[in-house]
Amino acid sequence: MPIPFWDDASAISLGDGRALVINTDMLVWSTDVPEGMSPFQAARKAVVMNVSDLGAKGVPPLAFMADLAVPRDTTVETMEELARGFEAGARLYGAHVVGGDTNEACDIIVSGIAFGVVVEKRIMRRAGGARPGDLLATTGLFGLTSSGFKHLLEGYELPENIMKPVLDSIYLPVARVWEGVALSMTGAVTGCMDSSDGLGVSLHDLSRSTDLGYRVTDPPVHPAAERFAEHNGLDPVELALYGGEEYELVFSFKPEALGQVQSALAGVGCGLHVIGEVTEEKGITLEHGGETRPIRPGGWIHFTG
């Protein structure tokens, strides 16, 4: 099997050295759409949710399908806005909307399917051969969505000078598809997944797949999250570790390929953030500010929130 069941996506070998890689992810209005998000933005997010997992495998998406269930009183305008959001999201990553299905439900529910074709040996997996001493990295910084949700759901004050990047991270998320494709071409990645459930959860999921541990020594905190934390008396590292819906890639790679990985990401306009290393001792720890403490599997976990 090109990709094991415990991974971000599924795959079928085509018999010619290539694989069809498929991912499905569901968006439910009552649990996944925060206050202020438009139907267009929600539909676009449904695409991002799906193609992000393809990007984590190094697969460029070819097409997107949406099975859409809506209450019977849903307006035509809402349906048109959803359709525009699907199309805009797919085209952002070079894919096409090729169909789907529509049905009735008591809530708006989108079951998306994204798929693409890739050379099988280039697929990046969660368990991709990581070894102790490999570098641990991300494609971006964290804490924006945590800040935004604390503002929207818990009433924390959001300073005007950081409002746009914080709210854009929620209403207009971006998947690291081209970054994933670039990383897969290096052949240096030894484990990779997307961070849609939060950095803390992602590290524990990687550990479950690799049977190795991770030591974080430089937590990737976004400057705007630092400002939000300072303004509200919060811990910025906690915001970075225990968020969700950030759609960054979390990955390990061979230390001797540092320059190659940096160059590959720079080629698609992305910086490399080395945050730690792989350890033989199983467990996820944070070494920061002169202290060492465990990183719990916090973030978004279905059925607990």
C-alpha atoms as a PDB file:
ATOM      1  CA  MET A   1       0.000   0.000   0.000  1.00  0.00           C
ATOM      2  CA  PRO A   2       1.564   3.367  -1.022  1.00  0.00           C
ATOM      3  CA  ILE A   3       0.264   5.135   2.112  1.00  0.00           C
ATOM      4  CA  PRO A   4      -0.713   3.299   5.333  1.00  0.00           C
ATOM      5  CA  PHE A   5      -4.137   3.812   6.869  1.00  0.00           C
ATOM      6  CA  TRP A   6      -2.744   5.885   9.755  1.00  0.00           C
ATOM      7  CA  ASP A   7      -1.752   8.845   7.613  1.00  0.00           C
ATOM      8  CA  ASP A   8      -3.119  12.040   6.097  1.00  0.00           C
ATOM      9  CA  ALA A   9      -4.444  10.570   2.849  1.00  0.00           C
ATOM     10  CA  SER A  10      -5.039   7.285   1.019  1.00  0.00           C
ATOM     11  CA  ALA A  11      -3.467   6.025  -2.202  1.00  0.00           C
ATOM     12  CA  ILE A  12      -3.850   3.402  -4.914  1.00  0.00           C
ATOM     13  CA  SER A  13      -0.922   2.257  -7.046  1.00  0.00           C
ATOM     14  CA  LEU A  14      -1.586   2.743 -10.761  1.00  0.00           C
ATOM     15  CA  GLY A  15       0.928   0.094 -11.777  1.00  0.00           C
ATOM     16  CA  ASP A  16       3.214   2.408 -13.718  1.00  0.00           C
ATOM     17  CA  GLY A  17       5.237   3.910 -10.877  1.00  0.00           C
ATOM     18  CA  ARG A  18       2.536   6.447 -10.069  1.00  0.00           C
ATOM     19  CA  ALA A  19      -0.189   6.515  -7.437  1.00  0.00           C
ATOM     20  CA  LEU A  20      -3.618   8.064  -7.207  1.00  0.00           C
ATOM     21  CA  VAL A  21      -3.732   9.895  -3.874  1.00  0.00           C
ATOM     22  CA  ILE A  22      -7.120  10.718  -2.369  1.00  0.00           C
ATOM     23  CA  ASN A  23      -8.229  12.631   0.694  1.00  0.00           C
ATOM     24  CA  THR A  24     -11.646  13.329   2.148  1.00  0.00           C
ATOM     25  CA  ASP A  25     -12.461  15.771   4.910  1.00  0.00           C
ATOM     26  CA  MET A  26     -15.763  17.027   6.225  1.00  0.00           C
ATOM     27  CA  LEU A  27     -16.907  20.522   7.174  1.00  0.00           C
ATOM     28  CA  VAL A  28     -19.964  20.838   9.434  1.00  0.00           C
ATOM     29  CA  TRP A  29     -21.394  24.331   9.795  1.00  0.00           C
ATOM     30  CA  SER A  30     -22.202  24.135  13.502  1.00  0.00           C
ATOM     31  CA  THR A  31     -18.711  22.931  14.525  1.00  0.00           C
ATOM     32  CA  ASP A  32     -16.339  24.180  11.819  1.00  0.00           C
ATOM     33  CA  VAL A  33     -17.663  27.587  10.769  1.00  0.00           C
ATOM     34  CA  PRO A  34     -16.985  30.384  13.282  1.00  0.00           C
ATOM     35  CA  GLU A  35     -19.015  33.546  13.654  1.00  0.00           C
ATOM     36  CA  GLY A  36     -18.373  35.996  10.837  1.00  0.00           C
ATOM     37  CA  MET A  37     -17.328  33.426   8.210  1.00  0.00           C
ATOM     38  CA  SER A  38     -19.282  33.765   4.967  1.00  0.00           C
ATOM     39  CA  PRO A  39     -20.572  30.820   2.903  1.00  0.00           C
ATOM     40  CA  PHE A  40     -17.919  31.640   0.285  1.00  0.00           C
ATOM     41  CA  GLN A  41     -15.164  31.475   2.901  1.00  0.00           C
ATOM     42  CA  ALA A  42     -16.576  28.261   4.395  1.00  0.00           C
ATOM     43  CA  ALA A  43     -16.615  26.540   1.000  1.00  0.00           C
ATOM     44  CA  ARG A  44     -13.104  27.757   0.266  1.00  0.00           C
ATOM     45  CA  LYS A  45     -12.015  26.409   3.653  1.00  0.00           C
ATOM     46  CA  ALA A  46     -13.518  23.011   2.764  1.00  0.00           C
ATOM     47  CA  VAL A  47     -11.163  22.872  -0.211  1.00  0.00           C
ATOM     48  CA  VAL A  48      -8.162  23.972   1.870  1.00  0.00           C
ATOM     49  CA  MET A  49      -8.905  21.275   4.464  1.00  0.00           C
ATOM     50  CA  ASN A  50      -8.713  18.599   1.789  1.00  0.00           C
ATOM     51  CA  VAL A  51      -5.807  19.761  -0.359  1.00  0.00           C
ATOM     52  CA  SER A  52      -3.672  20.436   2.729  1.00  0.00           C
ATOM     53  CA  ASP A  53      -3.446  16.704   3.372  1.00  0.00           C
ATOM     54  CA  LEU A  54      -2.419  16.105  -0.241  1.00  0.00           C
ATOM     55  CA  GLY A  55       0.276  18.748   0.131  1.00  0.00           C
ATOM     56  CA  ALA A  56       1.575  16.949   3.230  1.00  0.00           C
ATOM     57  CA  LYS A  57       2.163  13.907   1.015  1.00  0.00           C
ATOM     58  CA  GLY A  58       3.825  15.991  -1.727  1.00  0.00           C
ATOM     59  CA  VAL A  59       0.899  15.628  -4.103  1.00  0.00           C
ATOM     60  CA  PRO A  60      -0.439  18.471  -6.294  1.00  0.00           C
ATOM     61  CA  PRO A  61      -4.255  18.285  -6.422  1.00  0.00           C
ATOM     62  CA  LEU A  62      -5.934  17.697  -9.777  1.00  0.00           C
ATOM     63  CA  ALA A  63      -9.589  17.863  -8.804  1.00  0.00           C
ATOM     64  CA  PHE A  64     -12.051  18.485  -5.990  1.00  0.00           C
ATOM     65  CA  MET A  65     -15.551  17.125  -5.435  1.00  0.00           C
ATOM     66  CA  ALA A  66     -18.093  18.297  -2.877  1.00  0.00           C
ATOM     67  CA  ASP A  67     -21.005  16.344  -1.442  1.00  0.00           C
ATOM     68  CA  LEU A  68     -23.185  19.093  -0.018  1.00  0.00           C
ATOM     69  CA  ALA A  69     -26.122  18.687   2.364  1.00  0.00           C
ATOM     70  CA  VAL A  70     -28.179  21.732   3.344  1.00  0.00           C
ATOM     71  CA  PRO A  71     -31.411  22.536   5.208  1.00  0.00           C
ATOM     72  CA  ARG A  72     -34.418  23.029   2.934  1.00  0.00           C
ATOM     73  CA  ASP A  73     -34.660  26.724   3.815  1.00  0.00           C
ATOM     74  CA  THR A  74     -31.146  27.488   2.518  1.00  0.00           C
ATOM     75  CA  THR A  75     -31.292  30.421   0.103  1.00  0.00           C
ATOM     76  CA  VAL A  76     -30.235  30.347  -3.534  1.00  0.00           C
ATOM     77  CA  GLU A  77     -27.743  33.104  -2.745  1.00  0.00           C
ATOM     78  CA  THR A  78     -26.060  30.924  -0.122  1.00  0.00           C
ATOM     79  CA  MET A  79     -25.849  28.013  -2.557  1.00  0.00           C
ATOM     80  CA  GLU A  80     -24.303  30.233  -5.230  1.00  0.00           C
ATOM     81  CA  GLU A  81     -21.807  31.608  -2.744  1.00  0.00           C
ATOM     82  CA  LEU A  82     -20.826  28.085  -1.687  1.00  0.00           C
ATOM     83  CA  ALA A  83     -20.295  27.124  -5.327  1.00  0.00           C
ATOM     84  CA  ARG A  84     -18.089  30.161  -5.897  1.00  0.00           C
ATOM     85  CA  GLY A  85     -16.078  29.277  -2.804  1.00  0.00           C
ATOM     86  CA  PHE A  86     -15.449  25.720  -3.997  1.00  0.00           C
ATOM     87  CA  GLU A  87     -14.266  26.972  -7.371  1.00  0.00           C
ATOM     88  CA  ALA A  88     -12.050  29.723  -5.923  1.00  0.00           C
ATOM     89  CA  GLY A  89     -10.444  27.319  -3.459  1.00  0.00           C
ATOM     90  CA  ALA A  90      -9.751  24.669  -6.090  1.00  0.00           C
ATOM     91  CA  ARG A  91      -8.311  27.112  -8.624  1.00  0.00           C
ATOM     92  CA  LEU A  92      -5.980  28.522  -5.962  1.00  0.00           C
ATOM     93  CA  TYR A  93      -4.124  25.187  -6.068  1.00  0.00           C
ATOM     94  CA  GLY A  94      -4.439  24.492  -9.789  1.00  0.00           C
ATOM     95  CA  ALA A  95      -7.318  22.031  -9.354  1.00  0.00           C
ATOM     96  CA  HIS A  96     -10.818  21.866 -10.825  1.00  0.00           C
ATOM     97  CA  VAL A  97     -14.220  21.189  -9.294  1.00  0.00           C
ATOM     98  CA  VAL A  98     -15.425  18.121 -11.202  1.00  0.00           C
ATOM     99  CA  GLY A  99     -18.721  17.283  -9.522  1.00  0.00           C
ATOM    100  CA  GLY A 100     -20.377  16.142  -6.340  1.00  0.00           C
ATOM    101  CA  ASP A 101     -23.837  15.569  -4.894  1.00  0.00           C
ATOM    102  CA  THR A 102     -26.502  17.591  -3.095  1.00  0.00           C
ATOM    103  CA  ASN A 103     -28.873  16.411  -0.393  1.00  0.00           C
ATOM    104  CA  GLU A 104     -30.991  17.663   2.499  1.00  0.00           C
ATOM    105  CA  ALA A 105     -29.890  17.772   6.154  1.00  0.00           C
ATOM    106  CA  CYS A 106     -30.568  19.712   9.331  1.00  0.00           C
ATOM    107  CA  ASP A 107     -27.198  21.508   9.066  1.00  0.00           C
ATOM    108  CA  ILE A 108     -24.925  22.584   6.224  1.00  0.00           C
ATOM    109  CA  ILE A 109     -22.444  19.754   5.726  1.00  0.00           C
ATOM    110  CA  VAL A 110     -19.695  19.559   3.120  1.00  0.00           C
ATOM    111  CA  SER A 111     -17.926  16.268   2.516  1.00  0.00           C
ATOM    112  CA  GLY A 112     -15.032  17.154   0.256  1.00  0.00           C
ATOM    113  CA  ILE A 113     -12.815  14.860  -1.782  1.00  0.00           C
ATOM    114  CA  ALA A 114      -9.515  15.965  -3.316  1.00  0.00           C
ATOM    115  CA  PHE A 115      -7.260  13.792  -5.440  1.00  0.00           C
ATOM    116  CA  GLY A 116      -4.077  13.942  -7.453  1.00  0.00           C
ATOM    117  CA  VAL A 117      -1.511  11.723  -9.160  1.00  0.00           C
ATOM    118  CA  VAL A 118       2.144  11.547  -8.141  1.00  0.00           C
ATOM    119  CA  VAL A 119       5.245   9.441  -8.683  1.00  0.00           C
ATOM    120  CA  GLU A 120       4.859   6.875  -5.927  1.00  0.00           C
ATOM    121  CA  LYS A 121       8.430   7.028  -4.628  1.00  0.00           C
ATOM    122  CA  ARG A 122       8.037  10.765  -3.968  1.00  0.00           C
ATOM    123  CA  ILE A 123       5.149  10.375  -1.532  1.00  0.00           C
ATOM    124  CA  MET A 124       6.016  11.731   1.901  1.00  0.00           C
ATOM    125  CA  ARG A 125       4.607   9.679   4.767  1.00  0.00           C
ATOM    126  CA  ARG A 126       4.286  10.269   8.482  1.00  0.00           C
ATOM    127  CA  ALA A 127       6.596   7.308   9.006  1.00  0.00           C
ATOM    128  CA  GLY A 128       9.137   8.124   6.325  1.00  0.00           C
ATOM    129  CA  GLY A 129      12.265   6.664   7.860  1.00  0.00           C
ATOM    130  CA  ALA A 130      13.006   9.252  10.544  1.00  0.00           C
ATOM    131  CA  ARG A 131      16.074   8.652  12.723  1.00  0.00           C
ATOM    132  CA  PRO A 132      17.307  10.228  15.954  1.00  0.00           C
ATOM    133  CA  GLY A 133      19.199  13.399  15.104  1.00  0.00           C
ATOM    134  CA  ASP A 134      16.994  14.341  12.148  1.00  0.00           C
ATOM    135  CA  LEU A 135      15.915  17.970  12.236  1.00  0.00           C
ATOM    136  CA  LEU A 136      12.315  18.869  13.067  1.00  0.00           C
ATOM    137  CA  ALA A 137      10.829  21.791  11.158  1.00  0.00           C
ATOM    138  CA  THR A 138       7.684  23.604  10.056  1.00  0.00           C
ATOM    139  CA  THR A 139       6.757  25.668   7.012  1.00  0.00           C
ATOM    140  CA  GLY A 140       5.418  28.531   9.103  1.00  0.00           C
ATOM    141  CA  LEU A 141       4.745  30.085  12.474  1.00  0.00           C
ATOM    142  CA  PHE A 142       1.903  29.255  14.832  1.00  0.00           C
ATOM    143  CA  GLY A 143      -0.521  30.935  17.201  1.00  0.00           C
ATOM    144  CA  LEU A 144      -2.602  33.090  14.860  1.00  0.00           C
ATOM    145  CA  THR A 145      -5.641  30.833  14.842  1.00  0.00           C
ATOM    146  CA  SER A 146      -5.431  30.290  18.616  1.00  0.00           C
ATOM    147  CA  SER A 147      -5.479  34.048  19.038  1.00  0.00           C
ATOM    148  CA  GLY A 148      -8.391  34.424  16.658  1.00  0.00           C
ATOM    149  CA  PHE A 149     -10.502  31.759  18.298  1.00  0.00           C
ATOM    150  CA  LYS A 150      -9.818  33.177  21.751  1.00  0.00           C
ATOM    151  CA  HIS A 151     -11.108  36.492  20.432  1.00  0.00           C
ATOM    152  CA  LEU A 152     -14.148  35.068  18.625  1.00  0.00           C
ATOM    153  CA  LEU A 153     -15.159  32.372  21.105  1.00  0.00           C
ATOM    154  CA  GLU A 154     -13.889  33.607  24.455  1.00  0.00           C
ATOM    155  CA  GLY A 155     -14.058  37.378  24.074  1.00  0.00           C
ATOM    156  CA  TYR A 156     -10.352  38.196  24.438  1.00  0.00           C
ATOM    157  CA  GLU A 157      -9.474  41.626  23.099  1.00  0.00           C
ATOM    158  CA  LEU A 158      -7.834  41.658  19.658  1.00  0.00           C
ATOM    159  CA  PRO A 159      -5.656  44.738  19.076  1.00  0.00           C
ATOM    160  CA  GLU A 160      -6.397  46.604  15.856  1.00  0.00           C
ATOM    161  CA  ASN A 161      -2.803  46.406  14.574  1.00  0.00           C
ATOM    162  CA  ILE A 162      -2.874  42.587  14.414  1.00  0.00           C
ATOM    163  CA  MET A 163      -6.549  42.071  13.578  1.00  0.00           C
ATOM    164  CA  LYS A 164      -6.108  41.382   9.855  1.00  0.00           C
ATOM    165  CA  PRO A 165      -3.493  38.584  10.008  1.00  0.00           C
ATOM    166  CA  VAL A 166      -5.234  36.950  12.961  1.00  0.00           C
ATOM    167  CA  LEU A 167      -8.705  36.912  11.405  1.00  0.00           C
ATOM    168  CA  ASP A 168      -7.392  36.061   7.923  1.00  0.00           C
ATOM    169  CA  SER A 169      -5.813  32.933   9.400  1.00  0.00           C
ATOM    170  CA  ILE A 170      -9.333  31.743  10.281  1.00  0.00           C
ATOM    171  CA  TYR A 171     -11.478  33.116   7.471  1.00  0.00           C
ATOM    172  CA  LEU A 172      -8.958  32.707   4.626  1.00  0.00           C
ATOM    173  CA  PRO A 173      -6.621  29.820   5.539  1.00  0.00           C
ATOM    174  CA  VAL A 174      -3.892  28.725   3.148  1.00  0.00           C
ATOM    175  CA  ALA A 175      -2.665  25.178   2.523  1.00  0.00           C
ATOM    176  CA  ARG A 176       1.056  24.497   1.994  1.00  0.00           C
ATOM    177  CA  VAL A 177       0.556  22.469  -1.171  1.00  0.00           C
ATOM    178  CA  TRP A 178       3.433  23.782  -3.283  1.00  0.00           C
ATOM    179  CA  GLU A 179       5.703  23.668  -0.266  1.00  0.00           C
ATOM    180  CA  GLY A 180       4.879  19.990   0.154  1.00  0.00           C
ATOM    181  CA  VAL A 181       5.549  19.285  -3.504  1.00  0.00           C
ATOM    182  CA  ALA A 182       8.899  21.099  -3.277  1.00  0.00           C
ATOM    183  CA  LEU A 183       9.877  19.154  -0.154  1.00  0.00           C
ATOM    184  CA  SER A 184       8.984  15.830  -1.757  1.00  0.00           C
ATOM    185  CA  MET A 185      11.316  16.556  -4.660  1.00  0.00           C
ATOM    186  CA  THR A 186      14.307  16.806  -2.301  1.00  0.00           C
ATOM    187  CA  GLY A 187      14.039  13.206  -1.136  1.00  0.00           C
ATOM    188  CA  ALA A 188      15.309  14.403   2.244  1.00  0.00           C
ATOM    189  CA  VAL A 189      12.069  14.399   4.254  1.00  0.00           C
ATOM    190  CA  THR A 190      11.828  11.546   6.773  1.00  0.00           C
ATOM    191  CA  GLY A 191       8.324  12.212   8.091  1.00  0.00           C
ATOM    192  CA  CYS A 192       5.620  14.759   7.307  1.00  0.00           C
ATOM    193  CA  MET A 193       2.021  15.699   8.090  1.00  0.00           C
ATOM    194  CA  ASP A 194      -0.129  18.788   8.136  1.00  0.00           C
ATOM    195  CA  SER A 195      -0.884  20.613  11.373  1.00  0.00           C
ATOM    196  CA  SER A 196      -4.628  21.147  10.994  1.00  0.00           C
ATOM    197  CA  ASP A 197      -5.295  19.672  14.459  1.00  0.00           C
ATOM    198  CA  GLY A 198      -2.604  21.774  16.125  1.00  0.00           C
ATOM    199  CA  LEU A 199       1.160  21.529  16.523  1.00  0.00           C
ATOM    200  CA  GLY A 200       0.989  19.589  19.794  1.00  0.00           C
ATOM    201  CA  VAL A 201      -1.360  16.948  18.381  1.00  0.00           C
ATOM    202  CA  SER A 202       0.682  16.726  15.178  1.00  0.00           C
ATOM    203  CA  LEU A 203       3.894  15.956  17.046  1.00  0.00           C
ATOM    204  CA  HIS A 204       2.171  13.191  18.995  1.00  0.00           C
ATOM    205  CA  ASP A 205       0.689  11.779  15.792  1.00  0.00           C
ATOM    206  CA  LEU A 206       4.131  11.748  14.177  1.00  0.00           C
ATOM    207  CA  SER A 207       5.556  10.036  17.252  1.00  0.00           C
ATOM    208  CA  ARG A 208       2.858   7.376  17.087  1.00  0.00           C
ATOM    209  CA  SER A 209       3.829   6.677  13.467  1.00  0.00           C
ATOM    210  CA  THR A 210       7.622   6.761  13.840  1.00  0.00           C
ATOM    211  CA  ASP A 211       7.930   5.286  17.337  1.00  0.00           C
ATOM    212  CA  LEU A 212      10.397   8.094  18.073  1.00  0.00           C
ATOM    213  CA  GLY A 213      10.327  11.259  20.162  1.00  0.00           C
ATOM    214  CA  TYR A 214      10.729  14.962  19.395  1.00  0.00           C
ATOM    215  CA  ARG A 215      12.517  17.740  21.245  1.00  0.00           C
ATOM    216  CA  VAL A 216      11.310  21.276  20.501  1.00  0.00           C
ATOM    217  CA  THR A 217      13.937  23.912  21.310  1.00  0.00           C
ATOM    218  CA  ASP A 218      12.690  26.879  19.248  1.00  0.00           C
ATOM    219  CA  PRO A 219       8.874  27.028  19.348  1.00  0.00           C
ATOM    220  CA  PRO A 220       7.547  28.666  16.151  1.00  0.00           C
ATOM    221  CA  VAL A 221       5.501  31.506  17.619  1.00  0.00           C
ATOM    222  CA  HIS A 222       4.092  34.082  15.201  1.00  0.00           C
ATOM    223  CA  PRO A 223       4.936  37.702  16.167  1.00  0.00           C
ATOM    224  CA  ALA A 224       1.245  38.652  16.066  1.00  0.00           C
ATOM    225  CA  ALA A 225       0.467  35.811  18.495  1.00  0.00           C
ATOM    226  CA  GLU A 226       3.197  37.141  20.787  1.00  0.00           C
ATOM    227  CA  ARG A 227       1.558  40.578  20.718  1.00  0.00           C
ATOM    228  CA  PHE A 228      -1.882  39.079  21.354  1.00  0.00           C
ATOM    229  CA  ALA A 229      -0.528  37.066  24.283  1.00  0.00           C
ATOM    230  CA  GLU A 230       1.219  40.074  25.793  1.00  0.00           C
ATOM    231  CA  HIS A 231      -1.926  42.202  25.429  1.00  0.00           C
ATOM    232  CA  ASN A 232      -4.107  39.583  27.150  1.00  0.00           C
ATOM    233  CA  GLY A 233      -1.687  38.120  29.700  1.00  0.00           C
ATOM    234  CA  LEU A 234      -1.403  34.755  27.945  1.00  0.00           C
ATOM    235  CA  ASP A 235       1.486  32.402  27.200  1.00  0.00           C
ATOM    236  CA  PRO A 236       2.465  32.760  23.509  1.00  0.00           C
ATOM    237  CA  VAL A 237       4.052  29.300  23.407  1.00  0.00           C
ATOM    238  CA  GLU A 238       0.783  27.764  24.590  1.00  0.00           C
ATOM    239  CA  LEU A 239      -1.002  29.594  21.761  1.00  0.00           C
ATOM    240  CA  ALA A 240       1.468  28.167  19.249  1.00  0.00           C
ATOM    241  CA  LEU A 241       1.362  24.590  20.524  1.00  0.00           C
ATOM    242  CA  TYR A 242      -2.322  24.115  21.175  1.00  0.00           C
ATOM    243  CA  GLY A 243      -4.192  25.732  18.330  1.00  0.00           C
ATOM    244  CA  GLY A 244      -5.517  24.081  15.204  1.00  0.00           C
ATOM    245  CA  GLU A 245      -6.550  24.754  11.607  1.00  0.00           C
ATOM    246  CA  GLU A 246      -3.178  26.265  10.755  1.00  0.00           C
ATOM    247  CA  TYR A 247      -2.446  23.952   7.794  1.00  0.00           C
ATOM    248  CA  GLU A 248       1.312  24.255   8.085  1.00  0.00           C
ATOM    249  CA  LEU A 249       3.517  21.246   7.393  1.00  0.00           C
ATOM    250  CA  VAL A 250       5.369  19.636  10.293  1.00  0.00           C
ATOM    251  CA  PHE A 251       8.220  17.444   9.120  1.00  0.00           C
ATOM    252  CA  SER A 252      11.613  15.937   9.846  1.00  0.00           C
ATOM    253  CA  PHE A 253      14.514  15.750   7.436  1.00  0.00           C
ATOM    254  CA  LYS A 254      18.107  14.595   7.204  1.00  0.00           C
ATOM    255  CA  PRO A 255      20.403  17.201   8.803  1.00  0.00           C
ATOM    256  CA  GLU A 256      22.923  17.001   5.961  1.00  0.00           C
ATOM    257  CA  ALA A 257      20.170  18.206   3.578  1.00  0.00           C
ATOM    258  CA  LEU A 258      19.566  21.491   5.434  1.00  0.00           C
ATOM    259  CA  GLY A 259      20.713  23.670   2.549  1.00  0.00           C
ATOM    260  CA  GLN A 260      18.758  21.640   0.008  1.00  0.00           C
ATOM    261  CA  VAL A 261      15.552  21.870   2.016  1.00  0.00           C
ATOM    262  CA  GLN A 262      15.994  25.603   2.571  1.00  0.00           C
ATOM    263  CA  SER A 263      16.540  26.132  -1.142  1.00  0.00           C
ATOM    264  CA  ALA A 264      13.523  24.032  -2.120  1.00  0.00           C
ATOM    265  CA  LEU A 265      11.193  25.999   0.137  1.00  0.00           C
ATOM    266  CA  ALA A 266      12.709  29.336  -0.870  1.00  0.00           C
ATOM    267  CA  GLY A 267      11.904  28.410  -4.472  1.00  0.00           C
ATOM    268  CA  VAL A 268       8.182  28.527  -3.633  1.00  0.00           C
ATOM    269  CA  GLY A 269       8.449  31.602  -1.419  1.00  0.00           C
ATOM    270  CA  CYS A 270       8.511  29.838   1.937  1.00  0.00           C
ATOM    271  CA  GLY A 271      10.944  30.016   4.825  1.00  0.00           C
ATOM    272  CA  LEU A 272      12.210  27.024   6.785  1.00  0.00           C
ATOM    273  CA  HIS A 273      11.641  27.018  10.537  1.00  0.00           C
ATOM    274  CA  VAL A 274      13.806  24.434  12.308  1.00  0.00           C
ATOM    275  CA  ILE A 275      12.191  23.947  15.715  1.00  0.00           C
ATOM    276  CA  GLY A 276      14.037  20.966  17.177  1.00  0.00           C
ATOM    277  CA  GLU A 277      15.099  17.416  16.478  1.00  0.00           C
ATOM    278  CA  VAL A 278      14.052  13.774  16.498  1.00  0.00           C
ATOM    279  CA  THR A 279      15.024  11.810  19.610  1.00  0.00           C
ATOM    280  CA  GLU A 280      15.420   8.122  20.335  1.00  0.00           C
ATOM    281  CA  GLU A 281      13.533   8.508  23.614  1.00  0.00           C
ATOM    282  CA  LYS A 282       9.834   8.435  22.840  1.00  0.00           C
ATOM    283  CA  GLY A 283       8.059  11.504  24.149  1.00  0.00           C
ATOM    284  CA  ILE A 284       7.538  15.120  23.116  1.00  0.00           C
ATOM    285  CA  THR A 285       9.361  17.763  25.134  1.00  0.00           C
ATOM    286  CA  LEU A 286       9.837  21.506  25.021  1.00  0.00           C
ATOM    287  CA  GLU A 287      13.157  23.001  26.093  1.00  0.00           C
ATOM    288  CA  HIS A 288      12.550  26.718  26.382  1.00  0.00           C
ATOM    289  CA  GLY A 289      13.453  29.486  28.800  1.00  0.00           C
ATOM    290  CA  GLY A 290      15.803  27.255  30.759  1.00  0.00           C
ATOM    291  CA  GLU A 291      13.082  24.698  31.489  1.00  0.00           C
ATOM    292  CA  THR A 292      12.132  21.318  30.052  1.00  0.00           C
ATOM    293  CA  ARG A 293       8.508  20.225  30.079  1.00  0.00           C
ATOM    294  CA  PRO A 294       6.341  17.749  28.199  1.00  0.00           C
ATOM    295  CA  ILE A 295       4.185  18.850  25.295  1.00  0.00           C
ATOM    296  CA  ARG A 296       0.730  17.377  25.738  1.00  0.00           C
ATOM    297  CA  PRO A 297      -1.398  16.291  22.765  1.00  0.00           C
ATOM    298  CA  GLY A 298      -3.501  19.449  22.924  1.00  0.00           C
ATOM    299  CA  GLY A 299      -5.283  21.122  20.035  1.00  0.00           C
ATOM    300  CA  TRP A 300      -8.388  20.070  18.162  1.00  0.00           C
ATOM    301  CA  ILE A 301      -9.496  16.522  18.978  1.00  0.00           C
ATOM    302  CA  HIS A 302     -12.853  15.399  17.571  1.00  0.00           C
ATOM    303  CA  PHE A 303     -15.624  14.684  20.098  1.00  0.00           C
ATOM    304  CA  THR A 304     -13.735  16.565  22.808  1.00  0.00           C
ATOM    305  CA  GLY A 305     -13.021  19.880  21.016  1.00  0.00           C
END
